[in-house]
Every structure is written in structure tokens, then in C-alpha cells.
Amino acid sequence: MIFAGFCLLVVASVALTGQTAHSDGLSAEDEAFCRGGLELSYPDLDIKACTVVPQEVRERISKDWGPPKVQLATAEKKKKYTLIMVDPDAPRRTNPTRSYWRHWLLVDIEGSGLKAGDVKGTVLSAYTRPTPPVQTGFHRYQFLLYEQPTDQVLSLSEQEKSSLGNWDPQAFVQKFGLEGPVASLQFLTQNHRD
């Protein structure tokens, strides 16, 4: 019993220093969202599958950390990609009246950079941290990666630029003929005070 308690303490200590997020507590629908091998790395958190962000890092992901390192090992070097990050649960999953809150929109990502985890592109919406309001439960933060057609100039309309909420990512995808998503990943988190 003492040995088991010691092992649990050691495992907990290791997990906090370089956490890999876990999928415990996800619905089958939430787990099925992730496909294609997209990976995210925040300073102390690696996300390689649909997951719930551990309580220990929720405040840092909401207040301290900037955009994650994004990598797709199978990206084709000569292709261009578009990365979309949205919260479909704004302001709460049970009543998403501002659904598909746009948290990040990056286009013209070179496949070679994506393959290496060095994502650079044209920013159409600057990265905004996941900050679910207090007492709104878990929010899904979804990352969708699309192949971009050659020589296509992507942009947001004036109406889309005026608000991050109630965005229609599918209309954007269709408007510009994006292919995919070729990969998708999501994590769930809630306000760190909850």
C-alpha cells in the first residue's frame, strides 16, 4: 500500500513537469473528432489526441501561453495549408449562441514548415487564448487543418472581420475551395476557477 502510494506520487510529479494531455472523460463523439495526426505543443503540455486539459495547466493555457507549436508529420512539403481554431461552445456548450468563436485563422502555411513544426503563414485572425467564462462548463477548442488550392488568395469579409463570434467556418471553407480537413484535433478545457 505504501509502495503504491509512492508510485502514484512519482507518476503525478513526472506528469506535472512535461504533461501529455489525456483523453479520460471524453464522449465518443469528442474522441472521434481527432484524426490525421495533427499535434500541438504548448510550453508544458503536448496534445496528440482529443483530450481534456489537466486542471494544473488550465490557468496557464488561458492566461500565459501564446499559440501552440503545430505539427503534421505527414504534411506535403510543396503544398499550402490553412489552420482554423474555433470554440463551437461559446458562450456555453448547452447554449452555444456565439458558436464557432474564431480563435485563430492562419493561411498560406508552407507544408515544409508544418511538417517540421515551424508554422508560419498569413494571419487572418490573431491567436486568442482559450478563455471559457466561469461556470460555463467545458468548451471544445477545435483545430482544423485544410489543404489550400494553388494560387488562391484567402481573406475575411468585412463582416467576418467585425466579430469573432458566430463565424461560419464551413462557409469559409466552401468559399475558397479548401480540401479536407486533412487533420483535426481538439482539447476540452473549462475556466480554471471552476
C-alpha atoms as a PDB file:
ATOM      1  CA  MET A   1       0.000   0.000   0.000  1.00  0.00           C
ATOM      2  CA  ILE A   2       2.815   2.404   0.877  1.00  0.00           C
ATOM      3  CA  PHE A   3       4.667   1.407  -2.301  1.00  0.00           C
ATOM      4  CA  ALA A   4       1.534   2.031  -4.420  1.00  0.00           C
ATOM      5  CA  GLY A   5       1.110   5.474  -2.831  1.00  0.00           C
ATOM      6  CA  PHE A   6       4.755   6.294  -3.511  1.00  0.00           C
ATOM      7  CA  CYS A   7       4.405   5.200  -7.173  1.00  0.00           C
ATOM      8  CA  LEU A   8       1.328   7.383  -7.576  1.00  0.00           C
ATOM      9  CA  LEU A   9       3.228  10.369  -6.133  1.00  0.00           C
ATOM     10  CA  VAL A  10       6.154   9.775  -8.522  1.00  0.00           C
ATOM     11  CA  VAL A  11       3.828   9.490 -11.541  1.00  0.00           C
ATOM     12  CA  ALA A  12       1.987  12.690 -10.532  1.00  0.00           C
ATOM     13  CA  SER A  13       5.293  14.554 -10.159  1.00  0.00           C
ATOM     14  CA  VAL A  14       6.523  13.450 -13.579  1.00  0.00           C
ATOM     15  CA  ALA A  15       3.216  14.354 -15.230  1.00  0.00           C
ATOM     16  CA  LEU A  16       3.322  17.940 -13.988  1.00  0.00           C
ATOM     17  CA  THR A  17       6.752  18.728 -15.404  1.00  0.00           C
ATOM     18  CA  GLY A  18       6.081  17.836 -19.036  1.00  0.00           C
ATOM     19  CA  GLN A  19       2.451  16.921 -19.319  1.00  0.00           C
ATOM     20  CA  THR A  20       0.898  14.958 -22.085  1.00  0.00           C
ATOM     21  CA  ALA A  21      -2.820  15.558 -22.109  1.00  0.00           C
ATOM     22  CA  HIS A  22      -5.139  12.563 -21.705  1.00  0.00           C
ATOM     23  CA  SER A  23      -8.487  11.575 -23.143  1.00  0.00           C
ATOM     24  CA  ASP A  24     -10.234  10.483 -19.922  1.00  0.00           C
ATOM     25  CA  GLY A  25     -13.813  11.687 -19.696  1.00  0.00           C
ATOM     26  CA  LEU A  26     -14.365  12.402 -23.397  1.00  0.00           C
ATOM     27  CA  SER A  27     -17.507  11.313 -25.179  1.00  0.00           C
ATOM     28  CA  ALA A  28     -17.145   9.002 -28.168  1.00  0.00           C
ATOM     29  CA  GLU A  29     -18.135  11.943 -30.390  1.00  0.00           C
ATOM     30  CA  ASP A  30     -15.400  14.141 -28.914  1.00  0.00           C
ATOM     31  CA  GLU A  31     -12.775  11.403 -29.306  1.00  0.00           C
ATOM     32  CA  ALA A  32     -13.820  10.700 -32.914  1.00  0.00           C
ATOM     33  CA  PHE A  33     -13.220  14.339 -33.905  1.00  0.00           C
ATOM     34  CA  CYS A  34      -9.447  13.896 -33.869  1.00  0.00           C
ATOM     35  CA  ARG A  35      -7.831  12.370 -36.913  1.00  0.00           C
ATOM     36  CA  GLY A  36      -4.932  12.812 -39.264  1.00  0.00           C
ATOM     37  CA  GLY A  37      -2.000  13.118 -36.837  1.00  0.00           C
ATOM     38  CA  LEU A  38      -2.112  16.848 -36.043  1.00  0.00           C
ATOM     39  CA  GLU A  39      -0.037  17.680 -32.940  1.00  0.00           C
ATOM     40  CA  LEU A  40       0.040  20.747 -30.676  1.00  0.00           C
ATOM     41  CA  SER A  41       2.729  21.701 -28.187  1.00  0.00           C
ATOM     42  CA  TYR A  42       2.325  24.357 -25.528  1.00  0.00           C
ATOM     43  CA  PRO A  43       5.242  25.075 -23.132  1.00  0.00           C
ATOM     44  CA  ASP A  44       4.259  22.363 -20.611  1.00  0.00           C
ATOM     45  CA  LEU A  45       1.582  20.449 -22.498  1.00  0.00           C
ATOM     46  CA  ASP A  46       1.661  18.228 -25.571  1.00  0.00           C
ATOM     47  CA  ILE A  47      -1.608  17.360 -27.296  1.00  0.00           C
ATOM     48  CA  LYS A  48      -1.574  14.478 -29.764  1.00  0.00           C
ATOM     49  CA  ALA A  49      -5.155  13.241 -29.401  1.00  0.00           C
ATOM     50  CA  CYS A  50      -8.528  14.609 -28.369  1.00  0.00           C
ATOM     51  CA  THR A  51      -8.158  15.359 -24.691  1.00  0.00           C
ATOM     52  CA  VAL A  52      -9.211  17.197 -21.565  1.00  0.00           C
ATOM     53  CA  VAL A  53      -6.638  19.765 -20.434  1.00  0.00           C
ATOM     54  CA  PRO A  54      -5.406  18.875 -16.933  1.00  0.00           C
ATOM     55  CA  GLN A  55      -6.565  21.186 -14.134  1.00  0.00           C
ATOM     56  CA  GLU A  56      -2.944  22.018 -13.271  1.00  0.00           C
ATOM     57  CA  VAL A  57      -2.366  23.904 -16.550  1.00  0.00           C
ATOM     58  CA  ARG A  58      -5.787  25.452 -17.262  1.00  0.00           C
ATOM     59  CA  GLU A  59      -4.826  28.856 -15.913  1.00  0.00           C
ATOM     60  CA  ARG A  60      -1.579  28.935 -17.894  1.00  0.00           C
ATOM     61  CA  ILE A  61      -3.228  27.933 -21.180  1.00  0.00           C
ATOM     62  CA  SER A  62      -5.810  30.713 -20.638  1.00  0.00           C
ATOM     63  CA  LYS A  63      -3.540  33.484 -19.357  1.00  0.00           C
ATOM     64  CA  ASP A  64       0.135  32.862 -20.072  1.00  0.00           C
ATOM     65  CA  TRP A  65       0.815  30.726 -23.111  1.00  0.00           C
ATOM     66  CA  GLY A  66       0.754  32.022 -26.655  1.00  0.00           C
ATOM     67  CA  PRO A  67      -0.072  29.968 -29.721  1.00  0.00           C
ATOM     68  CA  PRO A  68       0.996  26.348 -29.690  1.00  0.00           C
ATOM     69  CA  LYS A  69       3.617  24.815 -31.911  1.00  0.00           C
ATOM     70  CA  VAL A  70       1.639  22.986 -34.624  1.00  0.00           C
ATOM     71  CA  GLN A  71       2.981  19.987 -36.486  1.00  0.00           C
ATOM     72  CA  LEU A  72       1.740  17.489 -39.041  1.00  0.00           C
ATOM     73  CA  ALA A  73       4.432  14.918 -39.828  1.00  0.00           C
ATOM     74  CA  THR A  74       2.601  13.832 -42.990  1.00  0.00           C
ATOM     75  CA  ALA A  75       2.278  17.343 -44.470  1.00  0.00           C
ATOM     76  CA  GLU A  76       3.325  17.578 -48.086  1.00  0.00           C
ATOM     77  CA  LYS A  77       6.252  19.976 -48.346  1.00  0.00           C
ATOM     78  CA  LYS A  78       5.138  21.726 -51.540  1.00  0.00           C
ATOM     79  CA  LYS A  79       1.506  22.260 -50.543  1.00  0.00           C
ATOM     80  CA  LYS A  80      -0.038  25.153 -48.637  1.00  0.00           C
ATOM     81  CA  TYR A  81      -2.398  24.753 -45.706  1.00  0.00           C
ATOM     82  CA  THR A  82      -4.971  26.707 -43.700  1.00  0.00           C
ATOM     83  CA  LEU A  83      -5.335  26.288 -39.927  1.00  0.00           C
ATOM     84  CA  ILE A  84      -8.584  27.178 -38.182  1.00  0.00           C
ATOM     85  CA  MET A  85      -9.052  27.228 -34.390  1.00  0.00           C
ATOM     86  CA  VAL A  86     -12.616  27.657 -33.131  1.00  0.00           C
ATOM     87  CA  ASP A  87     -14.714  27.260 -29.999  1.00  0.00           C
ATOM     88  CA  PRO A  88     -18.072  25.775 -31.060  1.00  0.00           C
ATOM     89  CA  ASP A  89     -19.353  26.094 -27.478  1.00  0.00           C
ATOM     90  CA  ALA A  90     -19.399  29.864 -26.938  1.00  0.00           C
ATOM     91  CA  PRO A  91     -20.653  31.009 -24.530  1.00  0.00           C
ATOM     92  CA  ARG A  92     -21.567  27.527 -23.151  1.00  0.00           C
ATOM     93  CA  ARG A  93     -21.859  24.072 -24.659  1.00  0.00           C
ATOM     94  CA  THR A  94     -25.507  23.725 -23.613  1.00  0.00           C
ATOM     95  CA  ASN A  95     -26.440  27.038 -25.276  1.00  0.00           C
ATOM     96  CA  PRO A  96     -23.861  27.971 -27.945  1.00  0.00           C
ATOM     97  CA  THR A  97     -25.426  31.241 -29.100  1.00  0.00           C
ATOM     98  CA  ARG A  98     -21.991  32.553 -30.233  1.00  0.00           C
ATOM     99  CA  SER A  99     -20.796  29.221 -31.626  1.00  0.00           C
ATOM    100  CA  TYR A 100     -17.733  28.916 -33.742  1.00  0.00           C
ATOM    101  CA  TRP A 101     -15.911  31.684 -31.976  1.00  0.00           C
ATOM    102  CA  ARG A 102     -12.826  32.188 -34.124  1.00  0.00           C
ATOM    103  CA  HIS A 103      -9.649  31.905 -32.027  1.00  0.00           C
ATOM    104  CA  TRP A 104      -7.064  31.672 -34.795  1.00  0.00           C
ATOM    105  CA  LEU A 105      -7.021  31.690 -38.568  1.00  0.00           C
ATOM    106  CA  LEU A 106      -3.714  31.173 -40.316  1.00  0.00           C
ATOM    107  CA  VAL A 107      -3.463  30.722 -44.084  1.00  0.00           C
ATOM    108  CA  ASP A 108      -0.641  30.177 -46.604  1.00  0.00           C
ATOM    109  CA  ILE A 109       1.172  27.760 -44.278  1.00  0.00           C
ATOM    110  CA  GLU A 110       4.009  26.079 -46.136  1.00  0.00           C
ATOM    111  CA  GLY A 111       3.889  22.282 -45.940  1.00  0.00           C
ATOM    112  CA  SER A 112       7.607  22.118 -45.209  1.00  0.00           C
ATOM    113  CA  GLY A 113       7.184  24.316 -42.117  1.00  0.00           C
ATOM    114  CA  LEU A 114       4.116  22.390 -40.953  1.00  0.00           C
ATOM    115  CA  LYS A 115       5.989  19.102 -41.327  1.00  0.00           C
ATOM    116  CA  ALA A 116       8.838  20.487 -39.192  1.00  0.00           C
ATOM    117  CA  GLY A 117       6.573  22.126 -36.598  1.00  0.00           C
ATOM    118  CA  ASP A 118       7.624  25.629 -37.654  1.00  0.00           C
ATOM    119  CA  VAL A 119       4.289  27.060 -38.762  1.00  0.00           C
ATOM    120  CA  LYS A 120       4.352  30.445 -40.435  1.00  0.00           C
ATOM    121  CA  GLY A 121       1.721  31.977 -42.641  1.00  0.00           C
ATOM    122  CA  THR A 122      -0.594  34.900 -43.178  1.00  0.00           C
ATOM    123  CA  VAL A 123      -2.601  35.729 -40.059  1.00  0.00           C
ATOM    124  CA  LEU A 124      -6.249  36.497 -40.797  1.00  0.00           C
ATOM    125  CA  SER A 125      -7.225  36.225 -37.117  1.00  0.00           C
ATOM    126  CA  ALA A 126      -4.561  36.536 -34.442  1.00  0.00           C
ATOM    127  CA  TYR A 127      -4.367  33.746 -31.871  1.00  0.00           C
ATOM    128  CA  THR A 128      -6.579  34.297 -28.832  1.00  0.00           C
ATOM    129  CA  ARG A 129      -6.187  32.069 -25.814  1.00  0.00           C
ATOM    130  CA  PRO A 130      -8.912  29.654 -24.754  1.00  0.00           C
ATOM    131  CA  THR A 131     -10.761  31.531 -22.006  1.00  0.00           C
ATOM    132  CA  PRO A 132     -14.080  29.866 -21.200  1.00  0.00           C
ATOM    133  CA  PRO A 133     -16.217  32.032 -18.897  1.00  0.00           C
ATOM    134  CA  VAL A 134     -16.714  30.966 -15.277  1.00  0.00           C
ATOM    135  CA  GLN A 135     -19.408  28.328 -14.708  1.00  0.00           C
ATOM    136  CA  THR A 136     -19.977  27.565 -18.393  1.00  0.00           C
ATOM    137  CA  GLY A 137     -18.555  24.044 -18.255  1.00  0.00           C
ATOM    138  CA  PHE A 138     -16.127  22.514 -20.665  1.00  0.00           C
ATOM    139  CA  HIS A 139     -15.562  24.119 -24.055  1.00  0.00           C
ATOM    140  CA  ARG A 140     -14.121  22.336 -27.078  1.00  0.00           C
ATOM    141  CA  TYR A 141     -11.251  24.108 -28.805  1.00  0.00           C
ATOM    142  CA  GLN A 142     -11.018  22.662 -32.286  1.00  0.00           C
ATOM    143  CA  PHE A 143      -8.087  22.851 -34.688  1.00  0.00           C
ATOM    144  CA  LEU A 144      -8.899  22.059 -38.316  1.00  0.00           C
ATOM    145  CA  LEU A 145      -6.236  21.849 -40.991  1.00  0.00           C
ATOM    146  CA  TYR A 146      -7.120  22.167 -44.678  1.00  0.00           C
ATOM    147  CA  GLU A 147      -5.186  21.973 -47.932  1.00  0.00           C
ATOM    148  CA  GLN A 148      -5.279  25.264 -49.778  1.00  0.00           C
ATOM    149  CA  PRO A 149      -5.757  25.419 -53.558  1.00  0.00           C
ATOM    150  CA  THR A 150      -2.778  26.720 -55.518  1.00  0.00           C
ATOM    151  CA  ASP A 151      -2.765  30.474 -56.184  1.00  0.00           C
ATOM    152  CA  GLN A 152      -5.846  31.121 -54.054  1.00  0.00           C
ATOM    153  CA  VAL A 153      -5.857  34.344 -52.017  1.00  0.00           C
ATOM    154  CA  LEU A 154      -7.818  33.814 -48.811  1.00  0.00           C
ATOM    155  CA  SER A 155      -9.371  36.665 -46.849  1.00  0.00           C
ATOM    156  CA  LEU A 156     -12.122  37.509 -44.406  1.00  0.00           C
ATOM    157  CA  SER A 157     -15.048  39.680 -45.422  1.00  0.00           C
ATOM    158  CA  GLU A 158     -15.567  42.994 -43.629  1.00  0.00           C
ATOM    159  CA  GLN A 159     -18.465  41.399 -41.740  1.00  0.00           C
ATOM    160  CA  GLU A 160     -16.266  38.471 -40.637  1.00  0.00           C
ATOM    161  CA  LYS A 161     -13.539  40.867 -39.509  1.00  0.00           C
ATOM    162  CA  SER A 162     -16.016  42.793 -37.338  1.00  0.00           C
ATOM    163  CA  SER A 163     -16.715  39.886 -34.957  1.00  0.00           C
ATOM    164  CA  LEU A 164     -15.061  36.671 -33.832  1.00  0.00           C
ATOM    165  CA  GLY A 165     -18.316  35.051 -32.671  1.00  0.00           C
ATOM    166  CA  ASN A 166     -20.960  33.350 -34.804  1.00  0.00           C
ATOM    167  CA  TRP A 167     -18.420  32.669 -37.514  1.00  0.00           C
ATOM    168  CA  ASP A 168     -19.257  30.056 -40.149  1.00  0.00           C
ATOM    169  CA  PRO A 169     -16.061  28.091 -40.805  1.00  0.00           C
ATOM    170  CA  GLN A 170     -17.815  25.795 -43.281  1.00  0.00           C
ATOM    171  CA  ALA A 171     -18.857  28.780 -45.429  1.00  0.00           C
ATOM    172  CA  PHE A 172     -15.226  29.982 -45.389  1.00  0.00           C
ATOM    173  CA  VAL A 173     -14.002  26.515 -46.418  1.00  0.00           C
ATOM    174  CA  GLN A 174     -16.510  26.301 -49.262  1.00  0.00           C
ATOM    175  CA  LYS A 175     -15.930  29.872 -50.461  1.00  0.00           C
ATOM    176  CA  PHE A 176     -12.226  29.212 -51.023  1.00  0.00           C
ATOM    177  CA  GLY A 177     -12.438  25.556 -52.073  1.00  0.00           C
ATOM    178  CA  LEU A 178     -10.324  24.264 -49.190  1.00  0.00           C
ATOM    179  CA  GLU A 179      -9.818  20.489 -49.129  1.00  0.00           C
ATOM    180  CA  GLY A 180     -10.386  18.479 -46.001  1.00  0.00           C
ATOM    181  CA  PRO A 181      -9.980  18.812 -43.177  1.00  0.00           C
ATOM    182  CA  VAL A 182      -6.858  16.740 -43.740  1.00  0.00           C
ATOM    183  CA  ALA A 183      -6.340  16.653 -39.965  1.00  0.00           C
ATOM    184  CA  SER A 184      -8.249  17.776 -36.894  1.00  0.00           C
ATOM    185  CA  LEU A 185      -7.588  17.916 -33.181  1.00  0.00           C
ATOM    186  CA  GLN A 186      -9.425  19.294 -30.175  1.00  0.00           C
ATOM    187  CA  PHE A 187      -8.987  19.765 -26.488  1.00  0.00           C
ATOM    188  CA  LEU A 188     -11.567  20.481 -23.835  1.00  0.00           C
ATOM    189  CA  THR A 189     -10.998  22.915 -21.017  1.00  0.00           C
ATOM    190  CA  GLN A 190     -13.038  24.957 -18.605  1.00  0.00           C
ATOM    191  CA  ASN A 191     -12.372  28.101 -16.626  1.00  0.00           C
ATOM    192  CA  HIS A 192      -9.508  27.445 -14.229  1.00  0.00           C
ATOM    193  CA  ARG A 193     -11.633  28.702 -11.275  1.00  0.00           C
ATOM    194  CA  ASP A 194     -14.289  26.006 -11.816  1.00  0.00           C
END
